Amino acid sequence: MPPAAASDPVLKSEALESARMNPATSLRSGQGSALKAIMINGALCAAKLAGGIFGHSYAMVADAAESFTDVVGSSIAFFGLSVAATPADRQHPAGHGRAETLASAVTALALMAIGGLIFWQALVSLGQPRHAPNPLVLFILIPVILVKEWMFHWLRARGKAIGSVAVMTEAWHQRSDVVTSIAALFGIIAAWIGGPAWNHADSWAAMLASLWLVGVGLWLLNPALHELMEGSMDPALLAFIRETGGNCPGVQGIDKVSVRKLGMRLMIDLHVEVEPMMSVLEGHRVAHQVKAKLQTELPQVLDVMVHVEPYGRDPQPPLRHDAPRNAP
């Protein structure tokens, strides 16, 4: 079997590149990203809340509430990554990697919940007398939008590099904050320009932004559920595993390949075909070579279960147990 070419476009994928990263480096990167997001989101939340209260802007208060969920989401991601780093034990022999996936699912559900709460509160505010928003709050919103958009791109790049669904969810949480801030921006401008008749414009903007939050939450829940349900993996990653295993000495072919994702770590189930007459000892040696090769090429692989099968048809007749004879 020819070796896999490094330049083969089929073998290029984000899943494959993240599997090649050092696990300790990936974990530190993920935790560092979440911790930095907690600090930045906390500062932005305080600034928007103060601006919304003193600037009479309900949309900005709602936007501050969304930023608070960013702080909570970042904290959940940090906690999930910390639990995922816990070594395997008797109750969890495969490790705690799914804690990261659960953290991602919880963050997505929290985003949907806060979206529903913002919609309800904005709807109630439509029947209440309102002051026109102070246009000075725009000097808070515009820098917030720029910072949040930078955070989105930075966290998304980190999440893709380390293969972390929790960090990717956190990135899109930042983008949702950008959308709510832009909605608040237009609502405040409309209320300022339109006069008293448009005082509730930022409430309408908050309602529109809340629908975006619910939609993003649903969208972010999908990859977490896909991972929890052990859905199919990236074809390029599977192809690389098949190529790498097939190139090991003694392997005649690869029958089946399946991969389970446990947070950032991977569990591989591989069926290799060897010569039918190969001894058990030799087959055992081949299986260990395949496992070692895959864990060397893909450091994120936690374990490899190698099943040894005969290549082609078995020339020997199957073993058969004779039926017990009747006692005389």
C-alpha atoms as a PDB file:
ATOM      1  CA  MET A   1       0.000   0.000   0.000  1.00  0.00           C
ATOM      2  CA  PRO A   2       1.602   3.333  -1.007  1.00  0.00           C
ATOM      3  CA  PRO A   3       2.325   5.846   1.733  1.00  0.00           C
ATOM      4  CA  ALA A   4      -0.057   8.765   2.203  1.00  0.00           C
ATOM      5  CA  ALA A   5       1.205  11.884   0.510  1.00  0.00           C
ATOM      6  CA  ALA A   6       1.484  14.893   2.780  1.00  0.00           C
ATOM      7  CA  SER A   7       0.222  17.132   0.020  1.00  0.00           C
ATOM      8  CA  ASP A   8      -2.850  15.015  -0.726  1.00  0.00           C
ATOM      9  CA  PRO A   9      -5.824  17.407  -0.409  1.00  0.00           C
ATOM     10  CA  VAL A  10      -8.025  14.544   0.770  1.00  0.00           C
ATOM     11  CA  LEU A  11      -5.929  14.305   3.938  1.00  0.00           C
ATOM     12  CA  LYS A  12      -6.213  18.007   4.810  1.00  0.00           C
ATOM     13  CA  SER A  13      -8.871  18.762   7.398  1.00  0.00           C
ATOM     14  CA  GLU A  14      -9.322  20.640  10.664  1.00  0.00           C
ATOM     15  CA  ALA A  15     -10.129  17.390  12.486  1.00  0.00           C
ATOM     16  CA  LEU A  16      -6.914  15.796  11.249  1.00  0.00           C
ATOM     17  CA  GLU A  17      -4.755  18.798  12.157  1.00  0.00           C
ATOM     18  CA  SER A  18      -6.243  19.039  15.650  1.00  0.00           C
ATOM     19  CA  ALA A  19      -5.635  15.292  16.158  1.00  0.00           C
ATOM     20  CA  ARG A  20      -1.937  15.931  15.492  1.00  0.00           C
ATOM     21  CA  MET A  21      -1.642  18.436  18.351  1.00  0.00           C
ATOM     22  CA  ASN A  22      -0.079  17.610  21.688  1.00  0.00           C
ATOM     23  CA  PRO A  23      -2.897  16.929  24.216  1.00  0.00           C
ATOM     24  CA  ALA A  24      -1.313  19.011  26.989  1.00  0.00           C
ATOM     25  CA  THR A  25      -0.791  21.951  24.624  1.00  0.00           C
ATOM     26  CA  SER A  26      -4.402  21.716  23.393  1.00  0.00           C
ATOM     27  CA  LEU A  27      -5.727  21.650  26.941  1.00  0.00           C
ATOM     28  CA  ARG A  28      -3.675  24.665  28.038  1.00  0.00           C
ATOM     29  CA  SER A  29      -4.766  26.559  24.939  1.00  0.00           C
ATOM     30  CA  GLY A  30      -8.437  25.782  25.552  1.00  0.00           C
ATOM     31  CA  GLN A  31      -8.330  26.700  29.237  1.00  0.00           C
ATOM     32  CA  GLY A  32      -6.351  29.864  28.532  1.00  0.00           C
ATOM     33  CA  SER A  33      -8.866  30.921  25.881  1.00  0.00           C
ATOM     34  CA  ALA A  34     -11.808  30.369  28.238  1.00  0.00           C
ATOM     35  CA  LEU A  35     -10.104  32.241  31.082  1.00  0.00           C
ATOM     36  CA  LYS A  36      -9.292  35.220  28.888  1.00  0.00           C
ATOM     37  CA  ALA A  37     -12.892  35.253  27.612  1.00  0.00           C
ATOM     38  CA  ILE A  38     -14.199  35.316  31.202  1.00  0.00           C
ATOM     39  CA  MET A  39     -12.179  38.429  32.057  1.00  0.00           C
ATOM     40  CA  ILE A  40     -12.980  40.323  28.839  1.00  0.00           C
ATOM     41  CA  ASN A  41     -16.686  39.433  28.899  1.00  0.00           C
ATOM     42  CA  GLY A  42     -16.962  40.456  32.548  1.00  0.00           C
ATOM     43  CA  ALA A  43     -15.551  43.906  31.820  1.00  0.00           C
ATOM     44  CA  LEU A  44     -17.764  44.401  28.753  1.00  0.00           C
ATOM     45  CA  CYS A  45     -20.859  43.230  30.635  1.00  0.00           C
ATOM     46  CA  ALA A  46     -20.281  45.808  33.388  1.00  0.00           C
ATOM     47  CA  ALA A  47     -19.735  48.586  30.843  1.00  0.00           C
ATOM     48  CA  LYS A  48     -22.908  47.752  28.885  1.00  0.00           C
ATOM     49  CA  LEU A  49     -25.035  47.384  32.004  1.00  0.00           C
ATOM     50  CA  ALA A  50     -23.935  50.784  33.315  1.00  0.00           C
ATOM     51  CA  GLY A  51     -24.495  52.356  29.892  1.00  0.00           C
ATOM     52  CA  GLY A  52     -27.936  50.786  29.535  1.00  0.00           C
ATOM     53  CA  ILE A  53     -29.142  51.875  32.975  1.00  0.00           C
ATOM     54  CA  PHE A  54     -27.847  55.426  32.855  1.00  0.00           C
ATOM     55  CA  GLY A  55     -28.507  55.811  29.122  1.00  0.00           C
ATOM     56  CA  HIS A  56     -32.153  54.589  29.349  1.00  0.00           C
ATOM     57  CA  SER A  57     -31.615  51.848  26.749  1.00  0.00           C
ATOM     58  CA  TYR A  58     -33.449  48.578  27.272  1.00  0.00           C
ATOM     59  CA  ALA A  59     -31.690  47.026  24.284  1.00  0.00           C
ATOM     60  CA  MET A  60     -28.339  47.757  25.903  1.00  0.00           C
ATOM     61  CA  VAL A  61     -29.465  46.254  29.223  1.00  0.00           C
ATOM     62  CA  ALA A  62     -30.584  43.168  27.288  1.00  0.00           C
ATOM     63  CA  ASP A  63     -27.237  43.162  25.545  1.00  0.00           C
ATOM     64  CA  ALA A  64     -25.520  43.278  28.944  1.00  0.00           C
ATOM     65  CA  ALA A  65     -27.612  40.271  30.007  1.00  0.00           C
ATOM     66  CA  GLU A  66     -26.388  38.425  26.923  1.00  0.00           C
ATOM     67  CA  SER A  67     -22.822  39.355  27.838  1.00  0.00           C
ATOM     68  CA  PHE A  68     -23.429  37.923  31.299  1.00  0.00           C
ATOM     69  CA  THR A  69     -24.324  34.613  29.644  1.00  0.00           C
ATOM     70  CA  ASP A  70     -20.974  34.927  27.848  1.00  0.00           C
ATOM     71  CA  VAL A  71     -19.277  35.060  31.243  1.00  0.00           C
ATOM     72  CA  VAL A  72     -21.294  32.053  32.414  1.00  0.00           C
ATOM     73  CA  GLY A  73     -20.607  30.210  29.145  1.00  0.00           C
ATOM     74  CA  SER A  74     -16.871  30.878  29.374  1.00  0.00           C
ATOM     75  CA  SER A  75     -16.880  29.679  32.986  1.00  0.00           C
ATOM     76  CA  ILE A  76     -18.722  26.497  31.998  1.00  0.00           C
ATOM     77  CA  ALA A  77     -16.248  25.913  29.161  1.00  0.00           C
ATOM     78  CA  PHE A  78     -13.302  26.407  31.537  1.00  0.00           C
ATOM     79  CA  PHE A  79     -14.822  24.017  34.080  1.00  0.00           C
ATOM     80  CA  GLY A  80     -15.615  21.441  31.382  1.00  0.00           C
ATOM     81  CA  LEU A  81     -12.064  21.568  30.044  1.00  0.00           C
ATOM     82  CA  SER A  82     -10.683  21.188  33.576  1.00  0.00           C
ATOM     83  CA  VAL A  83     -12.847  18.129  34.245  1.00  0.00           C
ATOM     84  CA  ALA A  84     -11.929  16.684  30.839  1.00  0.00           C
ATOM     85  CA  ALA A  85      -8.257  16.831  31.868  1.00  0.00           C
ATOM     86  CA  THR A  86      -8.901  14.600  34.887  1.00  0.00           C
ATOM     87  CA  PRO A  87      -7.187  11.205  34.433  1.00  0.00           C
ATOM     88  CA  ALA A  88      -9.249   8.063  33.897  1.00  0.00           C
ATOM     89  CA  ASP A  89     -10.457   6.253  37.001  1.00  0.00           C
ATOM     90  CA  ARG A  90     -12.424   3.140  37.897  1.00  0.00           C
ATOM     91  CA  GLN A  91     -15.794   4.806  37.255  1.00  0.00           C
ATOM     92  CA  HIS A  92     -14.615   6.430  34.016  1.00  0.00           C
ATOM     93  CA  PRO A  93     -12.041   4.094  32.419  1.00  0.00           C
ATOM     94  CA  ALA A  94     -12.108   6.047  29.129  1.00  0.00           C
ATOM     95  CA  GLY A  95     -11.411   9.343  30.885  1.00  0.00           C
ATOM     96  CA  HIS A  96     -13.565  12.435  31.338  1.00  0.00           C
ATOM     97  CA  GLY A  97     -13.304  13.968  27.865  1.00  0.00           C
ATOM     98  CA  ARG A  98     -17.063  14.145  27.370  1.00  0.00           C
ATOM     99  CA  ALA A  99     -17.229  16.774  30.128  1.00  0.00           C
ATOM    100  CA  GLU A 100     -16.084  19.282  27.520  1.00  0.00           C
ATOM    101  CA  THR A 101     -18.899  18.235  25.188  1.00  0.00           C
ATOM    102  CA  LEU A 102     -21.454  18.488  27.989  1.00  0.00           C
ATOM    103  CA  ALA A 103     -20.159  21.981  28.792  1.00  0.00           C
ATOM    104  CA  SER A 104     -20.749  22.953  25.165  1.00  0.00           C
ATOM    105  CA  ALA A 105     -24.312  21.621  25.285  1.00  0.00           C
ATOM    106  CA  VAL A 106     -25.048  23.476  28.540  1.00  0.00           C
ATOM    107  CA  THR A 107     -23.691  26.727  27.051  1.00  0.00           C
ATOM    108  CA  ALA A 108     -25.931  26.335  23.985  1.00  0.00           C
ATOM    109  CA  LEU A 109     -28.986  25.691  26.182  1.00  0.00           C
ATOM    110  CA  ALA A 110     -28.136  28.729  28.337  1.00  0.00           C
ATOM    111  CA  LEU A 111     -27.964  30.879  25.213  1.00  0.00           C
ATOM    112  CA  MET A 112     -31.438  29.721  24.181  1.00  0.00           C
ATOM    113  CA  ALA A 113     -32.799  30.367  27.682  1.00  0.00           C
ATOM    114  CA  ILE A 114     -31.427  33.912  27.894  1.00  0.00           C
ATOM    115  CA  GLY A 115     -32.782  34.597  24.398  1.00  0.00           C
ATOM    116  CA  GLY A 116     -36.262  33.599  25.527  1.00  0.00           C
ATOM    117  CA  LEU A 117     -35.959  35.716  28.682  1.00  0.00           C
ATOM    118  CA  ILE A 118     -34.824  38.791  26.746  1.00  0.00           C
ATOM    119  CA  PHE A 119     -37.715  38.384  24.283  1.00  0.00           C
ATOM    120  CA  TRP A 120     -40.271  38.196  27.091  1.00  0.00           C
ATOM    121  CA  GLN A 121     -38.924  41.171  29.005  1.00  0.00           C
ATOM    122  CA  ALA A 122     -38.651  43.283  25.849  1.00  0.00           C
ATOM    123  CA  LEU A 123     -42.233  42.361  24.935  1.00  0.00           C
ATOM    124  CA  VAL A 124     -43.475  43.450  28.360  1.00  0.00           C
ATOM    125  CA  SER A 125     -41.556  46.741  28.102  1.00  0.00           C
ATOM    126  CA  LEU A 126     -43.482  47.744  24.974  1.00  0.00           C
ATOM    127  CA  GLY A 127     -46.491  48.706  27.116  1.00  0.00           C
ATOM    128  CA  GLN A 128     -44.471  50.798  29.549  1.00  0.00           C
ATOM    129  CA  PRO A 129     -43.528  54.495  29.204  1.00  0.00           C
ATOM    130  CA  ARG A 130     -39.930  54.934  28.156  1.00  0.00           C
ATOM    131  CA  HIS A 131     -37.323  57.664  28.002  1.00  0.00           C
ATOM    132  CA  ALA A 132     -35.463  58.090  24.754  1.00  0.00           C
ATOM    133  CA  PRO A 133     -32.055  56.352  24.907  1.00  0.00           C
ATOM    134  CA  ASN A 134     -29.070  58.611  25.441  1.00  0.00           C
ATOM    135  CA  PRO A 135     -26.991  58.686  22.237  1.00  0.00           C
ATOM    136  CA  LEU A 136     -23.833  58.768  24.355  1.00  0.00           C
ATOM    137  CA  VAL A 137     -24.251  55.010  24.921  1.00  0.00           C
ATOM    138  CA  LEU A 138     -23.085  54.587  21.329  1.00  0.00           C
ATOM    139  CA  PHE A 139     -19.574  55.387  22.554  1.00  0.00           C
ATOM    140  CA  ILE A 140     -19.795  52.195  24.614  1.00  0.00           C
ATOM    141  CA  LEU A 141     -21.504  49.987  22.032  1.00  0.00           C
ATOM    142  CA  ILE A 142     -19.200  50.609  19.084  1.00  0.00           C
ATOM    143  CA  PRO A 143     -15.965  49.584  20.897  1.00  0.00           C
ATOM    144  CA  VAL A 144     -17.820  46.588  22.360  1.00  0.00           C
ATOM    145  CA  ILE A 145     -18.811  45.410  18.885  1.00  0.00           C
ATOM    146  CA  LEU A 146     -15.224  45.674  17.653  1.00  0.00           C
ATOM    147  CA  VAL A 147     -13.811  43.794  20.659  1.00  0.00           C
ATOM    148  CA  LYS A 148     -16.446  41.058  20.448  1.00  0.00           C
ATOM    149  CA  GLU A 149     -15.871  40.517  16.736  1.00  0.00           C
ATOM    150  CA  TRP A 150     -12.138  40.177  17.390  1.00  0.00           C
ATOM    151  CA  MET A 151     -12.876  37.665  20.158  1.00  0.00           C
ATOM    152  CA  PHE A 152     -15.064  35.641  17.811  1.00  0.00           C
ATOM    153  CA  HIS A 153     -12.305  35.232  15.222  1.00  0.00           C
ATOM    154  CA  TRP A 154      -9.648  34.579  17.871  1.00  0.00           C
ATOM    155  CA  LEU A 155     -11.658  31.917  19.734  1.00  0.00           C
ATOM    156  CA  ARG A 156     -12.851  30.253  16.539  1.00  0.00           C
ATOM    157  CA  ALA A 157      -9.260  29.917  15.317  1.00  0.00           C
ATOM    158  CA  ARG A 158      -8.228  28.449  18.682  1.00  0.00           C
ATOM    159  CA  GLY A 159     -11.182  26.041  18.722  1.00  0.00           C
ATOM    160  CA  LYS A 160     -10.467  24.784  15.211  1.00  0.00           C
ATOM    161  CA  ALA A 161      -6.768  24.339  15.953  1.00  0.00           C
ATOM    162  CA  ILE A 162      -7.302  22.195  19.055  1.00  0.00           C
ATOM    163  CA  GLY A 163     -10.525  20.488  17.937  1.00  0.00           C
ATOM    164  CA  SER A 164     -12.524  21.755  20.923  1.00  0.00           C
ATOM    165  CA  VAL A 165     -16.286  21.964  20.478  1.00  0.00           C
ATOM    166  CA  ALA A 166     -16.510  23.919  23.758  1.00  0.00           C
ATOM    167  CA  VAL A 167     -14.160  26.651  22.526  1.00  0.00           C
ATOM    168  CA  MET A 168     -15.940  26.756  19.158  1.00  0.00           C
ATOM    169  CA  THR A 169     -19.274  27.170  20.967  1.00  0.00           C
ATOM    170  CA  GLU A 170     -17.752  29.963  23.011  1.00  0.00           C
ATOM    171  CA  ALA A 171     -16.584  31.663  19.812  1.00  0.00           C
ATOM    172  CA  TRP A 172     -20.090  31.700  18.363  1.00  0.00           C
ATOM    173  CA  HIS A 173     -21.344  32.948  21.697  1.00  0.00           C
ATOM    174  CA  GLN A 174     -19.181  36.037  21.081  1.00  0.00           C
ATOM    175  CA  ARG A 175     -20.627  36.433  17.579  1.00  0.00           C
ATOM    176  CA  SER A 176     -24.151  36.316  19.046  1.00  0.00           C
ATOM    177  CA  ASP A 177     -23.135  39.169  21.327  1.00  0.00           C
ATOM    178  CA  VAL A 178     -21.997  41.118  18.265  1.00  0.00           C
ATOM    179  CA  VAL A 179     -25.440  40.675  16.706  1.00  0.00           C
ATOM    180  CA  THR A 180     -27.296  41.775  19.862  1.00  0.00           C
ATOM    181  CA  SER A 181     -25.001  44.793  20.167  1.00  0.00           C
ATOM    182  CA  ILE A 182     -25.619  45.767  16.535  1.00  0.00           C
ATOM    183  CA  ALA A 183     -29.373  45.389  17.114  1.00  0.00           C
ATOM    184  CA  ALA A 184     -29.097  47.628  20.172  1.00  0.00           C
ATOM    185  CA  LEU A 185     -27.060  50.122  18.127  1.00  0.00           C
ATOM    186  CA  PHE A 186     -29.726  50.443  15.435  1.00  0.00           C
ATOM    187  CA  GLY A 187     -32.522  50.527  18.019  1.00  0.00           C
ATOM    188  CA  ILE A 188     -30.879  53.399  19.884  1.00  0.00           C
ATOM    189  CA  ILE A 189     -30.224  55.320  16.661  1.00  0.00           C
ATOM    190  CA  ALA A 190     -33.844  54.827  15.528  1.00  0.00           C
ATOM    191  CA  ALA A 191     -35.202  56.018  18.898  1.00  0.00           C
ATOM    192  CA  TRP A 192     -32.864  59.005  18.899  1.00  0.00           C
ATOM    193  CA  ILE A 193     -33.683  60.115  15.357  1.00  0.00           C
ATOM    194  CA  GLY A 194     -37.384  59.186  15.342  1.00  0.00           C
ATOM    195  CA  GLY A 195     -38.299  61.080  18.485  1.00  0.00           C
ATOM    196  CA  PRO A 196     -40.847  60.073  21.191  1.00  0.00           C
ATOM    197  CA  ALA A 197     -42.845  57.878  18.778  1.00  0.00           C
ATOM    198  CA  TRP A 198     -39.786  55.638  18.433  1.00  0.00           C
ATOM    199  CA  ASN A 199     -38.814  55.402  22.110  1.00  0.00           C
ATOM    200  CA  HIS A 200     -39.541  51.665  22.072  1.00  0.00           C
ATOM    201  CA  ALA A 201     -37.385  51.004  19.015  1.00  0.00           C
ATOM    202  CA  ASP A 202     -34.612  49.498  21.090  1.00  0.00           C
ATOM    203  CA  SER A 203     -37.144  47.113  22.683  1.00  0.00           C
ATOM    204  CA  TRP A 204     -38.056  45.865  19.223  1.00  0.00           C
ATOM    205  CA  ALA A 205     -34.350  45.560  18.491  1.00  0.00           C
ATOM    206  CA  ALA A 206     -33.903  43.490  21.665  1.00  0.00           C
ATOM    207  CA  MET A 207     -36.732  41.167  20.583  1.00  0.00           C
ATOM    208  CA  LEU A 208     -35.154  40.621  17.157  1.00  0.00           C
ATOM    209  CA  ALA A 209     -31.778  39.964  18.747  1.00  0.00           C
ATOM    210  CA  SER A 210     -33.330  37.444  21.147  1.00  0.00           C
ATOM    211  CA  LEU A 211     -34.637  35.413  18.204  1.00  0.00           C
ATOM    212  CA  TRP A 212     -31.083  35.298  16.859  1.00  0.00           C
ATOM    213  CA  LEU A 213     -29.862  34.040  20.240  1.00  0.00           C
ATOM    214  CA  VAL A 214     -32.368  31.182  20.294  1.00  0.00           C
ATOM    215  CA  GLY A 215     -31.464  30.223  16.725  1.00  0.00           C
ATOM    216  CA  VAL A 216     -27.722  30.254  17.432  1.00  0.00           C
ATOM    217  CA  GLY A 217     -28.279  28.198  20.580  1.00  0.00           C
ATOM    218  CA  LEU A 218     -30.111  25.545  18.581  1.00  0.00           C
ATOM    219  CA  TRP A 219     -27.378  25.559  15.935  1.00  0.00           C
ATOM    220  CA  LEU A 220     -24.599  25.207  18.545  1.00  0.00           C
ATOM    221  CA  LEU A 221     -26.434  22.368  20.270  1.00  0.00           C
ATOM    222  CA  ASN A 222     -26.201  20.220  17.129  1.00  0.00           C
ATOM    223  CA  PRO A 223     -22.414  19.490  17.150  1.00  0.00           C
ATOM    224  CA  ALA A 224     -22.490  18.766  20.878  1.00  0.00           C
ATOM    225  CA  LEU A 225     -25.327  16.271  20.462  1.00  0.00           C
ATOM    226  CA  HIS A 226     -23.594  14.797  17.402  1.00  0.00           C
ATOM    227  CA  GLU A 227     -20.508  14.125  19.500  1.00  0.00           C
ATOM    228  CA  LEU A 228     -22.478  12.784  22.464  1.00  0.00           C
ATOM    229  CA  MET A 229     -24.349  10.416  20.138  1.00  0.00           C
ATOM    230  CA  GLU A 230     -21.011   9.296  18.619  1.00  0.00           C
ATOM    231  CA  GLY A 231     -21.830  10.551  15.138  1.00  0.00           C
ATOM    232  CA  SER A 232     -19.611   9.997  12.110  1.00  0.00           C
ATOM    233  CA  MET A 233     -16.169  11.615  12.021  1.00  0.00           C
ATOM    234  CA  ASP A 234     -14.384  13.630   9.337  1.00  0.00           C
ATOM    235  CA  PRO A 235     -13.762  11.403   6.255  1.00  0.00           C
ATOM    236  CA  ALA A 236     -10.248  12.851   5.874  1.00  0.00           C
ATOM    237  CA  LEU A 237      -9.355  11.734   9.408  1.00  0.00           C
ATOM    238  CA  LEU A 238     -10.735   8.246   8.734  1.00  0.00           C
ATOM    239  CA  ALA A 239      -8.792   8.076   5.465  1.00  0.00           C
ATOM    240  CA  PHE A 240      -5.565   9.030   7.238  1.00  0.00           C
ATOM    241  CA  ILE A 241      -6.096   6.352   9.889  1.00  0.00           C
ATOM    242  CA  ARG A 242      -6.778   3.769   7.194  1.00  0.00           C
ATOM    243  CA  GLU A 243      -3.629   4.798   5.254  1.00  0.00           C
ATOM    244  CA  THR A 244      -1.407   4.882   8.330  1.00  0.00           C
ATOM    245  CA  GLY A 245      -2.600   1.539   9.679  1.00  0.00           C
ATOM    246  CA  GLY A 246      -2.395  -0.088   6.264  1.00  0.00           C
ATOM    247  CA  ASN A 247       1.253   0.943   5.853  1.00  0.00           C
ATOM    248  CA  CYS A 248       2.386  -0.955   8.958  1.00  0.00           C
ATOM    249  CA  PRO A 249       4.467  -4.123   8.302  1.00  0.00           C
ATOM    250  CA  GLY A 250       2.379  -7.290   8.277  1.00  0.00           C
ATOM    251  CA  VAL A 251      -0.920  -5.524   7.529  1.00  0.00           C
ATOM    252  CA  GLN A 252      -2.513  -6.742   4.292  1.00  0.00           C
ATOM    253  CA  GLY A 253      -5.553  -4.510   4.438  1.00  0.00           C
ATOM    254  CA  ILE A 254      -7.924  -2.481   6.613  1.00  0.00           C
ATOM    255  CA  ASP A 255     -11.450  -3.828   6.974  1.00  0.00           C
ATOM    256  CA  LYS A 256     -13.196  -1.310   9.263  1.00  0.00           C
ATOM    257  CA  VAL A 257     -12.361   1.996  10.916  1.00  0.00           C
ATOM    258  CA  SER A 258     -14.440   3.820  13.513  1.00  0.00           C
ATOM    259  CA  VAL A 259     -13.526   6.792  15.696  1.00  0.00           C
ATOM    260  CA  ARG A 260     -15.173   8.118  18.838  1.00  0.00           C
ATOM    261  CA  LYS A 261     -14.504  11.663  20.035  1.00  0.00           C
ATOM    262  CA  LEU A 262     -14.093  12.256  23.757  1.00  0.00           C
ATOM    263  CA  GLY A 263     -13.716  16.011  23.986  1.00  0.00           C
ATOM    264  CA  MET A 264     -10.424  16.717  22.228  1.00  0.00           C
ATOM    265  CA  ARG A 265      -9.235  13.098  22.521  1.00  0.00           C
ATOM    266  CA  LEU A 266      -9.971  10.230  20.135  1.00  0.00           C
ATOM    267  CA  MET A 267     -10.700   6.515  20.568  1.00  0.00           C
ATOM    268  CA  ILE A 268     -10.050   4.374  17.470  1.00  0.00           C
ATOM    269  CA  ASP A 269     -11.533   0.970  16.657  1.00  0.00           C
ATOM    270  CA  LEU A 270      -9.621  -0.660  13.797  1.00  0.00           C
ATOM    271  CA  HIS A 271      -9.962  -4.026  12.018  1.00  0.00           C
ATOM    272  CA  VAL A 272      -6.688  -5.028  10.312  1.00  0.00           C
ATOM    273  CA  GLU A 273      -6.268  -7.970   7.941  1.00  0.00           C
ATOM    274  CA  VAL A 274      -3.158 -10.171   8.155  1.00  0.00           C
ATOM    275  CA  GLU A 275      -1.992 -13.425   6.561  1.00  0.00           C
ATOM    276  CA  PRO A 276      -4.434 -16.199   7.551  1.00  0.00           C
ATOM    277  CA  MET A 277      -1.668 -18.528   8.745  1.00  0.00           C
ATOM    278  CA  MET A 278       0.063 -15.889  10.904  1.00  0.00           C
ATOM    279  CA  SER A 279       0.636 -17.021  14.493  1.00  0.00           C
ATOM    280  CA  VAL A 280      -1.219 -15.463  17.381  1.00  0.00           C
ATOM    281  CA  LEU A 281       2.036 -14.022  18.717  1.00  0.00           C
ATOM    282  CA  GLU A 282       2.890 -12.406  15.378  1.00  0.00           C
ATOM    283  CA  GLY A 283      -0.639 -11.042  14.987  1.00  0.00           C
ATOM    284  CA  HIS A 284      -0.386  -9.556  18.476  1.00  0.00           C
ATOM    285  CA  ARG A 285       2.893  -7.894  17.525  1.00  0.00           C
ATOM    286  CA  VAL A 286       1.359  -6.405  14.361  1.00  0.00           C
ATOM    287  CA  ALA A 287      -1.593  -5.042  16.359  1.00  0.00           C
ATOM    288  CA  HIS A 288       0.764  -3.285  18.790  1.00  0.00           C
ATOM    289  CA  GLN A 289       2.751  -1.798  15.902  1.00  0.00           C
ATOM    290  CA  VAL A 290      -0.440  -0.376  14.389  1.00  0.00           C
ATOM    291  CA  LYS A 291      -1.507   1.104  17.734  1.00  0.00           C
ATOM    292  CA  ALA A 292       1.911   2.651  18.380  1.00  0.00           C
ATOM    293  CA  LYS A 293       2.081   4.114  14.862  1.00  0.00           C
ATOM    294  CA  LEU A 294      -1.337   5.758  15.114  1.00  0.00           C
ATOM    295  CA  GLN A 295      -0.654   7.218  18.564  1.00  0.00           C
ATOM    296  CA  THR A 296       2.665   8.588  17.299  1.00  0.00           C
ATOM    297  CA  GLU A 297       1.116  10.199  14.213  1.00  0.00           C
ATOM    298  CA  LEU A 298      -1.978  11.436  16.095  1.00  0.00           C
ATOM    299  CA  PRO A 299      -1.048  12.386  19.688  1.00  0.00           C
ATOM    300  CA  GLN A 300      -4.689  13.119  20.549  1.00  0.00           C
ATOM    301  CA  VAL A 301      -5.507   9.409  20.183  1.00  0.00           C
ATOM    302  CA  LEU A 302      -6.187   8.124  23.691  1.00  0.00           C
ATOM    303  CA  ASP A 303      -6.432   4.446  22.777  1.00  0.00           C
ATOM    304  CA  VAL A 304      -6.634   2.135  19.756  1.00  0.00           C
ATOM    305  CA  MET A 305      -8.551  -1.129  19.792  1.00  0.00           C
ATOM    306  CA  VAL A 306      -7.043  -3.291  17.032  1.00  0.00           C
ATOM    307  CA  HIS A 307      -8.948  -6.375  15.826  1.00  0.00           C
ATOM    308  CA  VAL A 308      -6.870  -8.856  13.841  1.00  0.00           C
ATOM    309  CA  GLU A 309      -8.687 -10.659  11.009  1.00  0.00           C
ATOM    310  CA  PRO A 310      -7.520 -13.097   8.276  1.00  0.00           C
ATOM    311  CA  TYR A 311      -6.886 -11.576   4.876  1.00  0.00           C
ATOM    312  CA  GLY A 312      -8.951 -13.146   2.099  1.00  0.00           C
ATOM    313  CA  ARG A 313     -10.432 -16.622   2.552  1.00  0.00           C
ATOM    314  CA  ASP A 314      -9.255 -18.936   5.287  1.00  0.00           C
ATOM    315  CA  PRO A 315      -7.777 -22.057   3.606  1.00  0.00           C
ATOM    316  CA  GLN A 316      -8.312 -24.165   6.722  1.00  0.00           C
ATOM    317  CA  PRO A 317     -11.708 -25.754   7.417  1.00  0.00           C
ATOM    318  CA  PRO A 318     -13.532 -24.264  10.405  1.00  0.00           C
ATOM    319  CA  LEU A 319     -13.177 -25.968  13.746  1.00  0.00           C
ATOM    320  CA  ARG A 320     -16.139 -28.124  14.690  1.00  0.00           C
ATOM    321  CA  HIS A 321     -17.068 -29.650  17.996  1.00  0.00           C
ATOM    322  CA  ASP A 322     -18.357 -33.219  17.736  1.00  0.00           C
ATOM    323  CA  ALA A 323     -21.748 -33.840  19.254  1.00  0.00           C
ATOM    324  CA  PRO A 324     -21.575 -35.786  22.515  1.00  0.00           C
ATOM    325  CA  ARG A 325     -22.186 -39.461  22.093  1.00  0.00           C
ATOM    326  CA  ASN A 326     -25.083 -41.074  23.842  1.00  0.00           C
ATOM    327  CA  ALA A 327     -24.044 -43.198  26.775  1.00  0.00           C
ATOM    328  CA  PRO A 328     -24.538 -46.924  26.170  1.00  0.00           C
END
